[in-house]
């Protein structure tokens, strides 16, 4: 929750500079709450509406991966690789 606003701001900066492909590397995220999940869903929706490509690198830590699996976001968001363990 404490970093979602910062991440959103950085994404907006990159997109305003003309970036058409954006990869978010979540490997080092140890925990994710509903606000982080909501941001990823919003970014995915924006990428589809605004014609830019979002790719996520799945988290390596179980704490963050759990919320994605529990909500089935692991099967609905655009991951660079499978989140299967």
PDB file of N, CA and C in Angstrom:
ATOM      1  N   UNK A   1       0.821  -1.182   0.000  1.00  0.00           N
ATOM      2  CA  UNK A   1       0.000   0.000   0.000  1.00  0.00           C
ATOM      3  C   UNK A   1       0.872   1.255   0.000  1.00  0.00           C
ATOM      4  N   UNK A   2       1.991   1.203   0.694  1.00  0.00           N
ATOM      5  CA  UNK A   2       2.814   2.406   0.815  1.00  0.00           C
ATOM      6  C   UNK A   2       3.555   2.754  -0.469  1.00  0.00           C
ATOM      7  N   UNK A   3       3.678   1.827  -1.405  1.00  0.00           N
ATOM      8  CA  UNK A   3       4.447   2.112  -2.618  1.00  0.00           C
ATOM      9  C   UNK A   3       3.600   2.181  -3.888  1.00  0.00           C
ATOM     10  N   UNK A   4       2.314   1.919  -3.802  1.00  0.00           N
ATOM     11  CA  UNK A   4       1.507   1.901  -5.023  1.00  0.00           C
ATOM     12  C   UNK A   4       1.431   3.277  -5.685  1.00  0.00           C
ATOM     13  N   UNK A   5       1.309   4.327  -4.894  1.00  0.00           N
ATOM     14  CA  UNK A   5       1.242   5.671  -5.465  1.00  0.00           C
ATOM     15  C   UNK A   5       2.561   6.021  -6.160  1.00  0.00           C
ATOM     16  N   UNK A   6       3.669   5.647  -5.560  1.00  0.00           N
ATOM     17  CA  UNK A   6       4.977   5.914  -6.156  1.00  0.00           C
ATOM     18  C   UNK A   6       5.131   5.140  -7.473  1.00  0.00           C
ATOM     19  N   UNK A   7       4.740   3.867  -7.475  1.00  0.00           N
ATOM     20  CA  UNK A   7       4.833   3.067  -8.686  1.00  0.00           C
ATOM     21  C   UNK A   7       3.932   3.648  -9.774  1.00  0.00           C
ATOM     22  N   UNK A   8       2.735   4.020  -9.429  1.00  0.00           N
ATOM     23  CA  UNK A   8       1.810   4.606 -10.390  1.00  0.00           C
ATOM     24  C   UNK A   8       2.405   5.868 -11.011  1.00  0.00           C
ATOM     25  N   UNK A   9       3.032   6.691 -10.194  1.00  0.00           N
ATOM     26  CA  UNK A   9       3.668   7.918 -10.676  1.00  0.00           C
ATOM     27  C   UNK A   9       4.796   7.594 -11.663  1.00  0.00           C
ATOM     28  N   UNK A  10       5.641   6.623 -11.329  1.00  0.00           N
ATOM     29  CA  UNK A  10       6.744   6.245 -12.220  1.00  0.00           C
ATOM     30  C   UNK A  10       6.219   5.680 -13.545  1.00  0.00           C
ATOM     31  N   UNK A  11       5.188   4.881 -13.475  1.00  0.00           N
ATOM     32  CA  UNK A  11       4.587   4.343 -14.698  1.00  0.00           C
ATOM     33  C   UNK A  11       4.076   5.491 -15.559  1.00  0.00           C
ATOM     34  N   UNK A  12       3.368   6.440 -14.962  1.00  0.00           N
ATOM     35  CA  UNK A  12       2.853   7.589 -15.711  1.00  0.00           C
ATOM     36  C   UNK A  12       3.982   8.383 -16.363  1.00  0.00           C
ATOM     37  N   UNK A  13       5.088   8.559 -15.646  1.00  0.00           N
ATOM     38  CA  UNK A  13       6.241   9.272 -16.214  1.00  0.00           C
ATOM     39  C   UNK A  13       6.775   8.556 -17.446  1.00  0.00           C
ATOM     40  N   UNK A  14       6.934   7.238 -17.346  1.00  0.00           N
ATOM     41  CA  UNK A  14       7.449   6.474 -18.484  1.00  0.00           C
ATOM     42  C   UNK A  14       6.491   6.528 -19.670  1.00  0.00           C
ATOM     43  N   UNK A  15       5.215   6.380 -19.400  1.00  0.00           N
ATOM     44  CA  UNK A  15       4.237   6.403 -20.482  1.00  0.00           C
ATOM     45  C   UNK A  15       4.159   7.770 -21.143  1.00  0.00           C
ATOM     46  N   UNK A  16       4.288   8.833 -20.373  1.00  0.00           N
ATOM     47  CA  UNK A  16       4.234  10.178 -20.949  1.00  0.00           C
ATOM     48  C   UNK A  16       5.462  10.481 -21.797  1.00  0.00           C
ATOM     49  N   UNK A  17       6.536   9.713 -21.602  1.00  0.00           N
ATOM     50  CA  UNK A  17       7.738   9.911 -22.422  1.00  0.00           C
ATOM     51  C   UNK A  17       7.669   9.134 -23.731  1.00  0.00           C
ATOM     52  N   UNK A  18       6.564   8.425 -23.963  1.00  0.00           N
ATOM     53  CA  UNK A  18       6.377   7.729 -25.225  1.00  0.00           C
ATOM     54  C   UNK A  18       6.657   6.237 -25.198  1.00  0.00           C
ATOM     55  N   UNK A  19       6.900   5.682 -24.037  1.00  0.00           N
ATOM     56  CA  UNK A  19       7.138   4.243 -23.924  1.00  0.00           C
ATOM     57  C   UNK A  19       5.889   3.490 -24.377  1.00  0.00           C
ATOM     58  N   UNK A  20       6.076   2.438 -25.173  1.00  0.00           N
ATOM     59  CA  UNK A  20       4.936   1.642 -25.628  1.00  0.00           C
ATOM     60  C   UNK A  20       4.957   0.235 -25.056  1.00  0.00           C
ATOM     61  N   UNK A  21       6.053  -0.137 -24.395  1.00  0.00           N
ATOM     62  CA  UNK A  21       6.154  -1.429 -23.717  1.00  0.00           C
ATOM     63  C   UNK A  21       6.740  -1.190 -22.337  1.00  0.00           C
ATOM     64  N   UNK A  22       6.105  -1.778 -21.337  1.00  0.00           N
ATOM     65  CA  UNK A  22       6.534  -1.583 -19.960  1.00  0.00           C
ATOM     66  C   UNK A  22       6.542  -2.925 -19.245  1.00  0.00           C
ATOM     67  N   UNK A  23       7.683  -3.254 -18.634  1.00  0.00           N
ATOM     68  CA  UNK A  23       7.792  -4.479 -17.852  1.00  0.00           C
ATOM     69  C   UNK A  23       7.984  -4.100 -16.390  1.00  0.00           C
ATOM     70  N   UNK A  24       7.130  -4.651 -15.532  1.00  0.00           N
ATOM     71  CA  UNK A  24       7.275  -4.457 -14.089  1.00  0.00           C
ATOM     72  C   UNK A  24       7.847  -5.733 -13.504  1.00  0.00           C
ATOM     73  N   UNK A  25       9.005  -5.624 -12.913  1.00  0.00           N
ATOM     74  CA  UNK A  25       9.694  -6.764 -12.320  1.00  0.00           C
ATOM     75  C   UNK A  25       9.275  -6.878 -10.855  1.00  0.00           C
ATOM     76  N   UNK A  26       8.477  -7.884 -10.564  1.00  0.00           N
ATOM     77  CA  UNK A  26       7.948  -8.078  -9.209  1.00  0.00           C
ATOM     78  C   UNK A  26       8.735  -9.113  -8.416  1.00  0.00           C
ATOM     79  N   UNK A  27       9.854  -9.592  -8.954  1.00  0.00           N
ATOM     80  CA  UNK A  27      10.602 -10.679  -8.304  1.00  0.00           C
ATOM     81  C   UNK A  27      10.993 -10.392  -6.870  1.00  0.00           C
ATOM     82  N   UNK A  28      11.320  -9.157  -6.551  1.00  0.00           N
ATOM     83  CA  UNK A  28      11.789  -8.844  -5.196  1.00  0.00           C
ATOM     84  C   UNK A  28      10.683  -8.407  -4.250  1.00  0.00           C
ATOM     85  N   UNK A  29       9.441  -8.404  -4.717  1.00  0.00           N
ATOM     86  CA  UNK A  29       8.308  -8.039  -3.858  1.00  0.00           C
ATOM     87  C   UNK A  29       8.047  -9.190  -2.890  1.00  0.00           C
ATOM     88  N   UNK A  30       8.150  -8.907  -1.602  1.00  0.00           N
ATOM     89  CA  UNK A  30       7.932  -9.954  -0.598  1.00  0.00           C
ATOM     90  C   UNK A  30       6.488 -10.013  -0.114  1.00  0.00           C
ATOM     91  N   UNK A  31       5.754  -8.909  -0.294  1.00  0.00           N
ATOM     92  CA  UNK A  31       4.371  -8.844   0.178  1.00  0.00           C
ATOM     93  C   UNK A  31       3.571  -7.963  -0.768  1.00  0.00           C
ATOM     94  N   UNK A  32       2.339  -8.339  -1.022  1.00  0.00           N
ATOM     95  CA  UNK A  32       1.445  -7.509  -1.817  1.00  0.00           C
ATOM     96  C   UNK A  32       0.064  -7.550  -1.175  1.00  0.00           C
ATOM     97  N   UNK A  33      -0.519  -6.375  -1.004  1.00  0.00           N
ATOM     98  CA  UNK A  33      -1.878  -6.323  -0.467  1.00  0.00           C
ATOM     99  C   UNK A  33      -2.850  -5.983  -1.592  1.00  0.00           C
ATOM    100  N   UNK A  34      -4.089  -5.744  -1.241  1.00  0.00           N
ATOM    101  CA  UNK A  34      -5.119  -5.500  -2.248  1.00  0.00           C
ATOM    102  C   UNK A  34      -4.858  -4.231  -3.056  1.00  0.00           C
ATOM    103  N   UNK A  35      -4.196  -3.243  -2.467  1.00  0.00           N
ATOM    104  CA  UNK A  35      -3.917  -2.019  -3.226  1.00  0.00           C
ATOM    105  C   UNK A  35      -2.890  -2.287  -4.324  1.00  0.00           C
ATOM    106  N   UNK A  36      -1.928  -3.136  -4.059  1.00  0.00           N
ATOM    107  CA  UNK A  36      -0.964  -3.517  -5.092  1.00  0.00           C
ATOM    108  C   UNK A  36      -1.628  -4.312  -6.195  1.00  0.00           C
ATOM    109  N   UNK A  37      -2.472  -5.241  -5.818  1.00  0.00           N
ATOM    110  CA  UNK A  37      -3.216  -6.027  -6.798  1.00  0.00           C
ATOM    111  C   UNK A  37      -4.104  -5.121  -7.641  1.00  0.00           C
ATOM    112  N   UNK A  38      -4.803  -4.203  -7.008  1.00  0.00           N
ATOM    113  CA  UNK A  38      -5.681  -3.278  -7.721  1.00  0.00           C
ATOM    114  C   UNK A  38      -4.878  -2.443  -8.725  1.00  0.00           C
ATOM    115  N   UNK A  39      -3.693  -1.985  -8.351  1.00  0.00           N
ATOM    116  CA  UNK A  39      -2.863  -1.211  -9.265  1.00  0.00           C
ATOM    117  C   UNK A  39      -2.467  -2.045 -10.484  1.00  0.00           C
ATOM    118  N   UNK A  40      -2.080  -3.293 -10.277  1.00  0.00           N
ATOM    119  CA  UNK A  40      -1.707  -4.148 -11.412  1.00  0.00           C
ATOM    120  C   UNK A  40      -2.892  -4.356 -12.351  1.00  0.00           C
ATOM    121  N   UNK A  41      -4.073  -4.546 -11.796  1.00  0.00           N
ATOM    122  CA  UNK A  41      -5.273  -4.714 -12.622  1.00  0.00           C
ATOM    123  C   UNK A  41      -5.569  -3.424 -13.385  1.00  0.00           C
ATOM    124  N   UNK A  42      -5.479  -2.287 -12.714  1.00  0.00           N
ATOM    125  CA  UNK A  42      -5.716  -1.004 -13.373  1.00  0.00           C
ATOM    126  C   UNK A  42      -4.712  -0.764 -14.497  1.00  0.00           C
ATOM    127  N   UNK A  43      -3.438  -1.088 -14.248  1.00  0.00           N
ATOM    128  CA  UNK A  43      -2.427  -0.911 -15.288  1.00  0.00           C
ATOM    129  C   UNK A  43      -2.695  -1.820 -16.477  1.00  0.00           C
ATOM    130  N   UNK A  44      -3.118  -3.049 -16.208  1.00  0.00           N
ATOM    131  CA  UNK A  44      -3.453  -3.960 -17.287  1.00  0.00           C
ATOM    132  C   UNK A  44      -4.619  -3.410 -18.111  1.00  0.00           C
ATOM    133  N   UNK A  45      -5.638  -2.921 -17.447  1.00  0.00           N
ATOM    134  CA  UNK A  45      -6.783  -2.340 -18.148  1.00  0.00           C
ATOM    135  C   UNK A  45      -6.360  -1.117 -18.969  1.00  0.00           C
ATOM    136  N   UNK A  46      -5.541  -0.260 -18.375  1.00  0.00           N
ATOM    137  CA  UNK A  46      -5.056   0.930 -19.090  1.00  0.00           C
ATOM    138  C   UNK A  46      -4.253   0.537 -20.320  1.00  0.00           C
ATOM    139  N   UNK A  47      -3.425  -0.472 -20.189  1.00  0.00           N
ATOM    140  CA  UNK A  47      -2.586  -0.873 -21.324  1.00  0.00           C
ATOM    141  C   UNK A  47      -3.455  -1.325 -22.495  1.00  0.00           C
ATOM    142  N   UNK A  48      -4.530  -1.979 -22.209  1.00  0.00           N
ATOM    143  CA  UNK A  48      -5.434  -2.434 -23.270  1.00  0.00           C
ATOM    144  C   UNK A  48      -6.199  -1.265 -23.879  1.00  0.00           C
ATOM    145  N   UNK A  49      -6.611  -0.324 -23.064  1.00  0.00           N
ATOM    146  CA  UNK A  49      -7.369   0.833 -23.552  1.00  0.00           C
ATOM    147  C   UNK A  49      -6.494   1.822 -24.311  1.00  0.00           C
ATOM    148  N   UNK A  50      -5.235   1.953 -23.888  1.00  0.00           N
ATOM    149  CA  UNK A  50      -4.352   2.977 -24.447  1.00  0.00           C
ATOM    150  C   UNK A  50      -3.315   2.408 -25.423  1.00  0.00           C
ATOM    151  N   UNK A  51      -3.416   1.145 -25.720  1.00  0.00           N
ATOM    152  CA  UNK A  51      -2.559   0.494 -26.728  1.00  0.00           C
ATOM    153  C   UNK A  51      -1.063   0.551 -26.405  1.00  0.00           C
ATOM    154  N   UNK A  52      -0.716   0.236 -25.178  1.00  0.00           N
ATOM    155  CA  UNK A  52       0.678  -0.020 -24.834  1.00  0.00           C
ATOM    156  C   UNK A  52       0.733  -1.391 -24.192  1.00  0.00           C
ATOM    157  N   UNK A  53       1.913  -1.967 -24.134  1.00  0.00           N
ATOM    158  CA  UNK A  53       2.041  -3.347 -23.668  1.00  0.00           C
ATOM    159  C   UNK A  53       2.609  -3.399 -22.249  1.00  0.00           C
ATOM    160  N   UNK A  54       1.925  -4.116 -21.389  1.00  0.00           N
ATOM    161  CA  UNK A  54       2.366  -4.359 -20.020  1.00  0.00           C
ATOM    162  C   UNK A  54       2.779  -5.809 -19.888  1.00  0.00           C
ATOM    163  N   UNK A  55       3.945  -6.020 -19.286  1.00  0.00           N
ATOM    164  CA  UNK A  55       4.409  -7.369 -18.970  1.00  0.00           C
ATOM    165  C   UNK A  55       4.870  -7.361 -17.513  1.00  0.00           C
ATOM    166  N   UNK A  56       4.505  -8.401 -16.791  1.00  0.00           N
ATOM    167  CA  UNK A  56       4.896  -8.530 -15.391  1.00  0.00           C
ATOM    168  C   UNK A  56       5.839  -9.713 -15.232  1.00  0.00           C
ATOM    169  N   UNK A  57       6.880  -9.525 -14.453  1.00  0.00           N
ATOM    170  CA  UNK A  57       7.731 -10.631 -14.040  1.00  0.00           C
ATOM    171  C   UNK A  57       7.198 -11.069 -12.683  1.00  0.00           C
ATOM    172  N   UNK A  58       6.796 -12.330 -12.544  1.00  0.00           N
ATOM    173  CA  UNK A  58       6.129 -12.757 -11.308  1.00  0.00           C
ATOM    174  C   UNK A  58       7.019 -12.661 -10.074  1.00  0.00           C
ATOM    175  N   UNK A  59       6.391 -12.453  -8.918  1.00  0.00           N
ATOM    176  CA  UNK A  59       7.156 -12.390  -7.673  1.00  0.00           C
ATOM    177  C   UNK A  59       7.767 -13.734  -7.321  1.00  0.00           C
ATOM    178  N   UNK A  60       8.959 -13.684  -6.754  1.00  0.00           N
ATOM    179  CA  UNK A  60       9.642 -14.902  -6.323  1.00  0.00           C
ATOM    180  C   UNK A  60       9.246 -15.288  -4.903  1.00  0.00           C
ATOM    181  N   UNK A  61       8.776 -14.325  -4.134  1.00  0.00           N
ATOM    182  CA  UNK A  61       8.432 -14.572  -2.737  1.00  0.00           C
ATOM    183  C   UNK A  61       6.983 -15.042  -2.608  1.00  0.00           C
ATOM    184  N   UNK A  62       6.777 -16.043  -1.809  1.00  0.00           N
ATOM    185  CA  UNK A  62       5.467 -16.649  -1.635  1.00  0.00           C
ATOM    186  C   UNK A  62       4.427 -15.651  -1.119  1.00  0.00           C
ATOM    187  N   UNK A  63       4.820 -14.740  -0.249  1.00  0.00           N
ATOM    188  CA  UNK A  63       3.885 -13.779   0.314  1.00  0.00           C
ATOM    189  C   UNK A  63       3.199 -12.931  -0.742  1.00  0.00           C
ATOM    190  N   UNK A  64       3.935 -12.527  -1.751  1.00  0.00           N
ATOM    191  CA  UNK A  64       3.361 -11.727  -2.830  1.00  0.00           C
ATOM    192  C   UNK A  64       2.639 -12.606  -3.841  1.00  0.00           C
ATOM    193  N   UNK A  65       3.186 -13.762  -4.128  1.00  0.00           N
ATOM    194  CA  UNK A  65       2.575 -14.665  -5.105  1.00  0.00           C
ATOM    195  C   UNK A  65       1.224 -15.184  -4.611  1.00  0.00           C
ATOM    196  N   UNK A  66       1.079 -15.338  -3.318  1.00  0.00           N
ATOM    197  CA  UNK A  66      -0.144 -15.895  -2.746  1.00  0.00           C
ATOM    198  C   UNK A  66      -1.373 -15.064  -3.096  1.00  0.00           C
ATOM    199  N   UNK A  67      -1.290 -13.751  -2.959  1.00  0.00           N
ATOM    200  CA  UNK A  67      -2.460 -12.899  -3.264  1.00  0.00           C
ATOM    201  C   UNK A  67      -2.805 -12.974  -4.753  1.00  0.00           C
ATOM    202  N   UNK A  68      -1.813 -13.128  -5.598  1.00  0.00           N
ATOM    203  CA  UNK A  68      -2.070 -13.238  -7.036  1.00  0.00           C
ATOM    204  C   UNK A  68      -2.737 -14.568  -7.381  1.00  0.00           C
ATOM    205  N   UNK A  69      -2.287 -15.636  -6.744  1.00  0.00           N
ATOM    206  CA  UNK A  69      -2.901 -16.946  -6.985  1.00  0.00           C
ATOM    207  C   UNK A  69      -4.300 -17.021  -6.375  1.00  0.00           C
ATOM    208  N   UNK A  70      -4.469 -16.493  -5.169  1.00  0.00           N
ATOM    209  CA  UNK A  70      -5.756 -16.576  -4.473  1.00  0.00           C
ATOM    210  C   UNK A  70      -6.859 -15.836  -5.229  1.00  0.00           C
ATOM    211  N   UNK A  71      -6.495 -14.806  -5.956  1.00  0.00           N
ATOM    212  CA  UNK A  71      -7.472 -14.021  -6.709  1.00  0.00           C
ATOM    213  C   UNK A  71      -7.497 -14.403  -8.188  1.00  0.00           C
ATOM    214  N   UNK A  72      -6.718 -15.375  -8.554  1.00  0.00           N
ATOM    215  CA  UNK A  72      -6.559 -15.848  -9.933  1.00  0.00           C
ATOM    216  C   UNK A  72      -5.961 -14.801 -10.861  1.00  0.00           C
ATOM    217  N   UNK A  73      -5.382 -13.762 -10.286  1.00  0.00           N
ATOM    218  CA  UNK A  73      -4.695 -12.760 -11.098  1.00  0.00           C
ATOM    219  C   UNK A  73      -3.470 -13.372 -11.773  1.00  0.00           C
ATOM    220  N   UNK A  74      -2.976 -14.468 -11.213  1.00  0.00           N
ATOM    221  CA  UNK A  74      -1.833 -15.142 -11.827  1.00  0.00           C
ATOM    222  C   UNK A  74      -2.172 -15.727 -13.193  1.00  0.00           C
ATOM    223  N   UNK A  75      -3.463 -15.903 -13.486  1.00  0.00           N
ATOM    224  CA  UNK A  75      -3.876 -16.439 -14.781  1.00  0.00           C
ATOM    225  C   UNK A  75      -4.471 -15.364 -15.686  1.00  0.00           C
ATOM    226  N   UNK A  76      -4.657 -14.164 -15.155  1.00  0.00           N
ATOM    227  CA  UNK A  76      -5.350 -13.121 -15.927  1.00  0.00           C
ATOM    228  C   UNK A  76      -4.486 -11.923 -16.274  1.00  0.00           C
ATOM    229  N   UNK A  77      -3.375 -11.761 -15.605  1.00  0.00           N
ATOM    230  CA  UNK A  77      -2.486 -10.642 -15.899  1.00  0.00           C
ATOM    231  C   UNK A  77      -1.370 -11.106 -16.828  1.00  0.00           C
ATOM    232  N   UNK A  78      -0.744 -10.189 -17.561  1.00  0.00           N
ATOM    233  CA  UNK A  78       0.242 -10.560 -18.578  1.00  0.00           C
ATOM    234  C   UNK A  78       1.649 -10.805 -18.011  1.00  0.00           C
ATOM    235  N   UNK A  79       1.911 -12.039 -17.623  1.00  0.00           N
ATOM    236  CA  UNK A  79       3.206 -12.393 -17.061  1.00  0.00           C
ATOM    237  C   UNK A  79       4.191 -12.820 -18.138  1.00  0.00           C
ATOM    238  N   UNK A  80       5.451 -12.493 -17.925  1.00  0.00           N
ATOM    239  CA  UNK A  80       6.510 -12.863 -18.852  1.00  0.00           C
ATOM    240  C   UNK A  80       6.767 -14.349 -18.803  1.00  0.00           C
ATOM    241  N   UNK A  81       6.461 -14.968 -17.684  1.00  0.00           N
ATOM    242  CA  UNK A  81       6.647 -16.398 -17.494  1.00  0.00           C
ATOM    243  C   UNK A  81       5.582 -16.894 -16.538  1.00  0.00           C
ATOM    244  N   UNK A  82       5.420 -18.183 -16.477  1.00  0.00           N
ATOM    245  CA  UNK A  82       4.397 -18.774 -15.613  1.00  0.00           C
ATOM    246  C   UNK A  82       4.714 -18.561 -14.143  1.00  0.00           C
ATOM    247  N   UNK A  83       3.668 -18.475 -13.336  1.00  0.00           N
ATOM    248  CA  UNK A  83       3.850 -18.366 -11.887  1.00  0.00           C
ATOM    249  C   UNK A  83       3.778 -19.727 -11.223  1.00  0.00           C
ATOM    250  N   UNK A  84       3.724 -20.801 -11.992  1.00  0.00           N
ATOM    251  CA  UNK A  84       3.652 -22.147 -11.408  1.00  0.00           C
ATOM    252  C   UNK A  84       4.859 -22.411 -10.526  1.00  0.00           C
ATOM    253  N   UNK A  85       4.591 -23.064  -9.435  1.00  0.00           N
ATOM    254  CA  UNK A  85       5.666 -23.443  -8.507  1.00  0.00           C
ATOM    255  C   UNK A  85       5.636 -24.927  -8.322  1.00  0.00           C
TER     256      UNK A  85
END
